[in-house]
N, C-alpha and C. Protein backbone atom coordinates (compact mmCIF):
# COMPACT_ATOMS: atom_id res chain seq x y z
N MET A 1 5.35 22.82 -12.37
CA MET A 1 5.57 23.02 -10.95
C MET A 1 7.02 23.39 -10.68
N ASN A 2 7.88 23.02 -11.62
CA ASN A 2 9.28 23.40 -11.46
C ASN A 2 9.44 24.91 -11.41
N ALA A 3 8.59 25.63 -12.15
CA ALA A 3 8.65 27.09 -12.15
C ALA A 3 8.34 27.66 -10.77
N TYR A 4 7.63 26.91 -9.94
CA TYR A 4 7.29 27.34 -8.59
C TYR A 4 8.32 26.84 -7.58
N GLY A 5 9.39 26.24 -8.08
CA GLY A 5 10.45 25.77 -7.19
C GLY A 5 10.16 24.43 -6.54
N VAL A 6 9.19 23.71 -7.09
CA VAL A 6 8.83 22.41 -6.53
C VAL A 6 8.99 21.38 -7.64
N GLY A 7 10.09 20.64 -7.58
CA GLY A 7 10.34 19.63 -8.59
C GLY A 7 9.54 18.37 -8.32
N VAL A 8 8.78 17.95 -9.30
CA VAL A 8 7.95 16.75 -9.17
C VAL A 8 8.04 15.97 -10.47
N ASP A 9 8.27 14.67 -10.35
CA ASP A 9 8.27 13.87 -11.57
C ASP A 9 6.90 13.24 -11.78
N ILE A 10 6.70 12.69 -12.95
CA ILE A 10 5.39 12.20 -13.36
C ILE A 10 4.90 11.05 -12.47
N SER A 11 5.82 10.24 -11.95
CA SER A 11 5.39 9.13 -11.09
C SER A 11 4.74 9.66 -9.80
N MET A 12 5.21 10.79 -9.32
CA MET A 12 4.62 11.40 -8.12
C MET A 12 3.20 11.89 -8.43
N VAL A 13 3.02 12.49 -9.57
CA VAL A 13 1.69 12.96 -9.97
C VAL A 13 0.73 11.77 -10.07
N HIS A 14 1.20 10.67 -10.63
CA HIS A 14 0.36 9.47 -10.72
C HIS A 14 0.01 8.96 -9.32
N ALA A 15 0.95 9.01 -8.41
CA ALA A 15 0.70 8.57 -7.03
C ALA A 15 -0.35 9.46 -6.36
N TRP A 16 -0.30 10.77 -6.62
CA TRP A 16 -1.33 11.67 -6.07
C TRP A 16 -2.69 11.30 -6.63
N GLU A 17 -2.74 11.13 -7.96
CA GLU A 17 -4.01 10.83 -8.61
C GLU A 17 -4.60 9.51 -8.13
N ALA A 18 -3.75 8.55 -7.82
CA ALA A 18 -4.21 7.24 -7.36
C ALA A 18 -4.52 7.23 -5.87
N GLY A 19 -4.22 8.33 -5.19
CA GLY A 19 -4.46 8.39 -3.76
C GLY A 19 -3.44 7.62 -2.94
N GLU A 20 -2.31 7.29 -3.54
CA GLU A 20 -1.26 6.55 -2.85
C GLU A 20 -0.36 7.46 -2.04
N TYR A 21 -0.38 8.72 -2.35
CA TYR A 21 0.51 9.68 -1.72
C TYR A 21 -0.19 11.02 -1.69
N ARG A 22 0.00 11.75 -0.61
CA ARG A 22 -0.56 13.10 -0.52
C ARG A 22 0.55 14.12 -0.72
N PRO A 23 0.27 15.17 -1.45
CA PRO A 23 1.32 16.19 -1.65
C PRO A 23 1.70 16.86 -0.34
N THR A 24 2.96 17.27 -0.26
CA THR A 24 3.40 18.07 0.88
C THR A 24 2.72 19.44 0.77
N GLU A 25 2.86 20.25 1.80
CA GLU A 25 2.26 21.58 1.74
C GLU A 25 2.79 22.38 0.56
N ASP A 26 4.11 22.37 0.36
CA ASP A 26 4.69 23.11 -0.76
C ASP A 26 4.16 22.60 -2.09
N GLU A 27 4.06 21.28 -2.21
CA GLU A 27 3.53 20.69 -3.44
C GLU A 27 2.06 21.06 -3.64
N LEU A 28 1.30 21.03 -2.56
CA LEU A 28 -0.12 21.40 -2.63
C LEU A 28 -0.29 22.84 -3.10
N PHE A 29 0.49 23.74 -2.51
CA PHE A 29 0.38 25.16 -2.88
C PHE A 29 0.79 25.37 -4.35
N ALA A 30 1.88 24.74 -4.76
CA ALA A 30 2.34 24.88 -6.15
C ALA A 30 1.33 24.27 -7.11
N LEU A 31 0.77 23.12 -6.75
CA LEU A 31 -0.21 22.47 -7.61
C LEU A 31 -1.45 23.34 -7.78
N ALA A 32 -1.92 23.95 -6.71
CA ALA A 32 -3.08 24.84 -6.80
C ALA A 32 -2.78 26.02 -7.72
N ASP A 33 -1.58 26.57 -7.60
CA ASP A 33 -1.20 27.70 -8.46
C ASP A 33 -1.11 27.28 -9.93
N VAL A 34 -0.50 26.12 -10.18
CA VAL A 34 -0.35 25.63 -11.55
C VAL A 34 -1.71 25.35 -12.18
N LEU A 35 -2.60 24.77 -11.41
CA LEU A 35 -3.92 24.40 -11.93
C LEU A 35 -4.94 25.54 -11.84
N TRP A 36 -4.54 26.65 -11.26
CA TRP A 36 -5.41 27.81 -11.09
C TRP A 36 -6.68 27.42 -10.35
N CYS A 37 -6.49 26.73 -9.25
CA CYS A 37 -7.64 26.35 -8.44
C CYS A 37 -7.34 26.61 -6.97
N ARG A 38 -8.33 26.43 -6.15
CA ARG A 38 -8.15 26.66 -4.72
C ARG A 38 -7.61 25.40 -4.05
N THR A 39 -6.81 25.59 -3.02
CA THR A 39 -6.25 24.43 -2.33
C THR A 39 -7.37 23.58 -1.72
N LYS A 40 -8.45 24.22 -1.27
CA LYS A 40 -9.53 23.43 -0.67
C LYS A 40 -10.17 22.50 -1.70
N ASP A 41 -10.16 22.88 -2.97
CA ASP A 41 -10.67 21.99 -4.01
C ASP A 41 -9.77 20.77 -4.15
N LEU A 42 -8.47 20.97 -4.10
CA LEU A 42 -7.53 19.86 -4.17
C LEU A 42 -7.61 18.99 -2.91
N MET A 43 -7.93 19.60 -1.79
CA MET A 43 -8.04 18.87 -0.54
C MET A 43 -9.35 18.09 -0.46
N GLY A 44 -10.29 18.43 -1.33
CA GLY A 44 -11.56 17.72 -1.35
C GLY A 44 -12.47 18.07 -0.19
N ILE A 45 -12.41 19.33 0.26
CA ILE A 45 -13.26 19.75 1.37
C ILE A 45 -14.19 20.87 0.91
N GLU A 46 -15.37 20.90 1.50
CA GLU A 46 -16.33 21.97 1.19
C GLU A 46 -15.90 23.27 1.87
N SER A 47 -15.63 23.16 3.17
CA SER A 47 -15.13 24.32 3.90
C SER A 47 -14.20 23.81 5.00
N PRO A 48 -13.17 24.60 5.33
CA PRO A 48 -12.20 24.15 6.33
C PRO A 48 -12.85 23.99 7.71
N ARG A 49 -12.43 22.94 8.42
CA ARG A 49 -12.98 22.66 9.74
C ARG A 49 -11.95 22.82 10.85
N THR A 50 -10.69 22.58 10.55
CA THR A 50 -9.65 22.63 11.57
C THR A 50 -8.73 23.82 11.32
N LEU A 51 -7.94 24.12 12.32
CA LEU A 51 -6.96 25.20 12.18
C LEU A 51 -6.00 24.88 11.04
N THR A 52 -5.59 23.64 10.92
CA THR A 52 -4.70 23.24 9.83
C THR A 52 -5.35 23.47 8.47
N GLU A 53 -6.60 23.06 8.33
CA GLU A 53 -7.28 23.25 7.05
C GLU A 53 -7.45 24.72 6.72
N HIS A 54 -7.77 25.55 7.70
CA HIS A 54 -7.89 27.00 7.45
C HIS A 54 -6.56 27.56 6.97
N ARG A 55 -5.47 27.11 7.58
CA ARG A 55 -4.15 27.59 7.19
C ARG A 55 -3.80 27.15 5.77
N LEU A 56 -4.06 25.89 5.46
CA LEU A 56 -3.74 25.37 4.12
C LEU A 56 -4.58 26.05 3.04
N VAL A 57 -5.84 26.33 3.34
CA VAL A 57 -6.70 27.00 2.36
C VAL A 57 -6.14 28.38 2.02
N ARG A 58 -5.53 29.03 2.99
CA ARG A 58 -4.92 30.36 2.76
C ARG A 58 -3.49 30.26 2.27
N GLN A 59 -3.00 29.06 2.05
CA GLN A 59 -1.65 28.79 1.54
C GLN A 59 -0.54 29.37 2.41
N PHE A 60 -0.65 29.11 3.70
CA PHE A 60 0.40 29.51 4.64
C PHE A 60 1.10 28.26 5.15
N SER A 61 2.43 28.30 5.19
CA SER A 61 3.16 27.26 5.91
C SER A 61 2.99 27.56 7.39
N ARG A 62 3.27 26.58 8.23
CA ARG A 62 3.16 26.82 9.67
C ARG A 62 4.09 27.94 10.10
N ASP A 63 5.32 27.88 9.61
CA ASP A 63 6.32 28.88 9.99
C ASP A 63 5.91 30.28 9.55
N ARG A 64 5.46 30.40 8.32
CA ARG A 64 5.06 31.72 7.80
C ARG A 64 3.87 32.28 8.57
N LEU A 65 2.90 31.43 8.89
CA LEU A 65 1.74 31.90 9.65
C LEU A 65 2.16 32.32 11.05
N ALA A 66 2.96 31.49 11.71
CA ALA A 66 3.40 31.82 13.06
C ALA A 66 4.14 33.17 13.08
N ARG A 67 5.02 33.37 12.12
CA ARG A 67 5.74 34.65 12.06
C ARG A 67 4.80 35.81 11.81
N SER A 68 3.80 35.61 10.95
CA SER A 68 2.91 36.72 10.60
C SER A 68 1.98 37.11 11.74
N ILE A 69 1.76 36.21 12.70
CA ILE A 69 0.91 36.57 13.85
C ILE A 69 1.71 36.81 15.12
N GLY A 70 3.05 36.74 15.00
CA GLY A 70 3.91 37.03 16.15
C GLY A 70 3.93 35.92 17.18
N MET A 71 3.92 34.67 16.72
CA MET A 71 3.90 33.53 17.64
C MET A 71 5.09 32.63 17.33
N ASP A 72 5.62 32.00 18.34
CA ASP A 72 6.68 31.03 18.18
C ASP A 72 6.16 29.87 17.33
N THR A 73 6.94 29.44 16.34
CA THR A 73 6.49 28.38 15.44
C THR A 73 6.18 27.09 16.19
N ALA A 74 7.00 26.73 17.15
CA ALA A 74 6.77 25.49 17.91
C ALA A 74 5.45 25.57 18.68
N GLN A 75 5.15 26.73 19.22
CA GLN A 75 3.88 26.89 19.95
C GLN A 75 2.71 26.76 18.99
N TYR A 76 2.81 27.39 17.82
CA TYR A 76 1.74 27.29 16.84
C TYR A 76 1.56 25.84 16.39
N GLU A 77 2.66 25.14 16.14
CA GLU A 77 2.59 23.73 15.74
C GLU A 77 1.87 22.89 16.79
N ARG A 78 2.17 23.14 18.08
CA ARG A 78 1.49 22.42 19.16
C ARG A 78 0.00 22.69 19.13
N ASP A 79 -0.37 23.94 18.88
CA ASP A 79 -1.79 24.29 18.82
C ASP A 79 -2.49 23.53 17.70
N GLU A 80 -1.86 23.45 16.54
CA GLU A 80 -2.46 22.70 15.43
C GLU A 80 -2.56 21.22 15.76
N GLU A 81 -1.50 20.67 16.34
CA GLU A 81 -1.48 19.24 16.65
C GLU A 81 -2.50 18.87 17.72
N THR A 82 -2.75 19.76 18.66
CA THR A 82 -3.70 19.47 19.74
C THR A 82 -5.08 20.05 19.45
N ASN A 83 -5.22 20.68 18.30
CA ASN A 83 -6.48 21.29 17.91
C ASN A 83 -6.98 22.24 19.00
N SER A 84 -6.09 23.14 19.40
CA SER A 84 -6.42 24.12 20.44
C SER A 84 -5.85 25.47 20.04
N TRP A 85 -6.10 26.48 20.85
CA TRP A 85 -5.55 27.79 20.58
C TRP A 85 -5.05 28.39 21.88
N SER A 86 -3.76 28.78 21.90
CA SER A 86 -3.16 29.32 23.11
C SER A 86 -2.67 30.76 22.92
N GLY A 87 -3.00 31.35 21.80
CA GLY A 87 -2.52 32.70 21.51
C GLY A 87 -3.11 33.75 22.42
N ASP A 88 -2.36 34.83 22.60
CA ASP A 88 -2.87 35.95 23.39
C ASP A 88 -3.81 36.80 22.51
N GLY A 89 -4.30 37.88 23.06
CA GLY A 89 -5.27 38.71 22.34
C GLY A 89 -4.73 39.27 21.03
N ARG A 90 -3.49 39.74 21.04
CA ARG A 90 -2.89 40.29 19.83
C ARG A 90 -2.71 39.22 18.77
N GLN A 91 -2.23 38.05 19.18
CA GLN A 91 -2.03 36.94 18.25
C GLN A 91 -3.37 36.43 17.70
N THR A 92 -4.37 36.41 18.56
CA THR A 92 -5.69 35.97 18.11
C THR A 92 -6.25 36.92 17.08
N THR A 93 -6.14 38.21 17.34
CA THR A 93 -6.62 39.20 16.38
C THR A 93 -5.89 39.06 15.05
N ALA A 94 -4.58 38.86 15.11
CA ALA A 94 -3.80 38.69 13.88
C ALA A 94 -4.20 37.41 13.15
N LEU A 95 -4.42 36.32 13.89
CA LEU A 95 -4.83 35.06 13.27
C LEU A 95 -6.18 35.21 12.57
N LEU A 96 -7.12 35.86 13.24
CA LEU A 96 -8.44 36.07 12.64
C LEU A 96 -8.33 36.84 11.33
N ARG A 97 -7.47 37.86 11.33
CA ARG A 97 -7.29 38.69 10.13
C ARG A 97 -6.61 37.90 9.01
N VAL A 98 -5.51 37.23 9.34
CA VAL A 98 -4.71 36.53 8.34
C VAL A 98 -5.49 35.37 7.71
N LEU A 99 -6.22 34.62 8.53
CA LEU A 99 -6.96 33.48 8.01
C LEU A 99 -8.40 33.82 7.63
N ASP A 100 -8.75 35.09 7.77
CA ASP A 100 -10.10 35.55 7.45
C ASP A 100 -11.15 34.74 8.21
N LEU A 101 -10.95 34.65 9.52
CA LEU A 101 -11.85 33.91 10.40
C LEU A 101 -12.67 34.85 11.26
N THR A 102 -13.80 34.37 11.70
CA THR A 102 -14.56 35.06 12.74
C THR A 102 -14.20 34.38 14.06
N PRO A 103 -14.45 35.03 15.17
CA PRO A 103 -14.20 34.35 16.45
C PRO A 103 -14.97 33.03 16.56
N LEU A 104 -16.18 32.99 16.04
CA LEU A 104 -16.96 31.76 16.07
C LEU A 104 -16.28 30.66 15.27
N ARG A 105 -15.79 30.97 14.08
CA ARG A 105 -15.12 29.95 13.25
C ARG A 105 -13.84 29.45 13.92
N LEU A 106 -13.11 30.35 14.60
CA LEU A 106 -11.92 29.93 15.32
C LEU A 106 -12.30 28.98 16.46
N ALA A 107 -13.35 29.32 17.18
CA ALA A 107 -13.80 28.46 18.28
C ALA A 107 -14.21 27.09 17.74
N GLN A 108 -14.91 27.07 16.63
CA GLN A 108 -15.32 25.79 16.03
C GLN A 108 -14.11 24.99 15.55
N ALA A 109 -13.14 25.69 14.96
CA ALA A 109 -11.96 25.01 14.41
C ALA A 109 -11.08 24.42 15.49
N THR A 110 -11.12 24.99 16.68
CA THR A 110 -10.26 24.52 17.76
C THR A 110 -11.04 23.75 18.82
N GLY A 111 -12.32 23.53 18.58
CA GLY A 111 -13.12 22.75 19.52
C GLY A 111 -13.39 23.46 20.83
N GLN A 112 -13.28 24.78 20.82
CA GLN A 112 -13.50 25.55 22.04
C GLN A 112 -14.98 25.88 22.18
N PRO A 113 -15.47 25.96 23.41
CA PRO A 113 -16.86 26.38 23.58
C PRO A 113 -17.01 27.83 23.15
N VAL A 114 -18.15 28.14 22.60
CA VAL A 114 -18.41 29.49 22.12
C VAL A 114 -19.07 30.27 23.25
N ALA A 115 -18.38 31.32 23.66
CA ALA A 115 -18.92 32.15 24.74
C ALA A 115 -19.97 33.10 24.18
N PRO A 116 -21.00 33.39 24.97
CA PRO A 116 -22.00 34.35 24.48
C PRO A 116 -21.36 35.72 24.36
N ARG A 117 -21.85 36.51 23.44
CA ARG A 117 -21.31 37.85 23.25
C ARG A 117 -21.75 38.73 24.40
N PRO A 118 -20.84 39.50 24.96
CA PRO A 118 -21.20 40.35 26.08
C PRO A 118 -22.23 41.40 25.68
N GLY A 119 -23.13 41.68 26.59
CA GLY A 119 -24.13 42.71 26.36
C GLY A 119 -25.34 42.22 25.59
N ILE A 120 -25.33 40.98 25.16
CA ILE A 120 -26.47 40.44 24.44
C ILE A 120 -27.08 39.35 25.32
N PRO A 121 -28.24 39.61 25.89
CA PRO A 121 -28.82 38.62 26.79
C PRO A 121 -29.26 37.38 26.03
N ARG A 122 -29.11 36.25 26.68
CA ARG A 122 -29.63 35.01 26.09
C ARG A 122 -31.14 35.05 26.20
N GLN A 123 -31.78 34.51 25.21
CA GLN A 123 -33.23 34.46 25.27
C GLN A 123 -33.63 33.36 26.24
N SER A 124 -34.52 33.71 27.13
CA SER A 124 -34.95 32.71 28.10
C SER A 124 -36.02 31.85 27.47
N ARG A 125 -36.10 30.65 27.96
CA ARG A 125 -37.11 29.73 27.49
C ARG A 125 -38.42 30.07 28.19
N PRO A 126 -39.52 29.95 27.50
CA PRO A 126 -40.79 30.27 28.16
C PRO A 126 -41.08 29.25 29.25
N THR A 127 -41.65 29.74 30.31
CA THR A 127 -42.06 28.84 31.39
C THR A 127 -43.53 28.57 31.25
N TRP A 128 -43.86 27.34 31.30
CA TRP A 128 -45.25 26.92 31.16
C TRP A 128 -45.76 26.52 32.52
N SER A 129 -46.91 26.99 32.84
CA SER A 129 -47.49 26.60 34.12
C SER A 129 -48.71 25.75 33.88
N ARG A 130 -48.95 24.88 34.79
CA ARG A 130 -50.13 24.04 34.69
C ARG A 130 -51.32 24.79 35.23
N GLY A 131 -52.40 24.55 34.64
CA GLY A 131 -53.65 25.14 35.16
C GLY A 131 -53.68 26.64 35.05
N GLY A 132 -53.62 27.16 33.88
CA GLY A 132 -53.71 28.60 33.68
C GLY A 132 -55.14 29.08 33.78
N SER A 133 -55.36 30.30 33.43
CA SER A 133 -56.73 30.84 33.48
C SER A 133 -57.54 30.30 32.32
N ARG A 134 -58.88 30.22 32.56
CA ARG A 134 -59.76 29.68 31.52
C ARG A 134 -60.48 30.75 30.79
């Protein structure tokens, strides 16, 4: 891990293995690279559920992601902490691209209601009447 610029001694590795300590983001990213595995495997998740998990799976720091989508880092951090999304249309498009998300996955990750797609009518429920024809 030293080759990745993340100095870690053996006692820290033991603490990770024992579940006494969680790696920092930099440590997590370096560990995934060293072990040639995905960060989500190290995180112990099947698929990312939150904005933070989606970001970590793609190995982005908060600052790097915020810069890549044209958003103030503090604003992005607030969005992650509150599990919400306040980005404008351009930032949203960039976030979807960078994190390889669909609009539906972003809505699920931020707890937002999913709006129906325009131009696609909702299927109506059948209406049942009493006493039909015999």
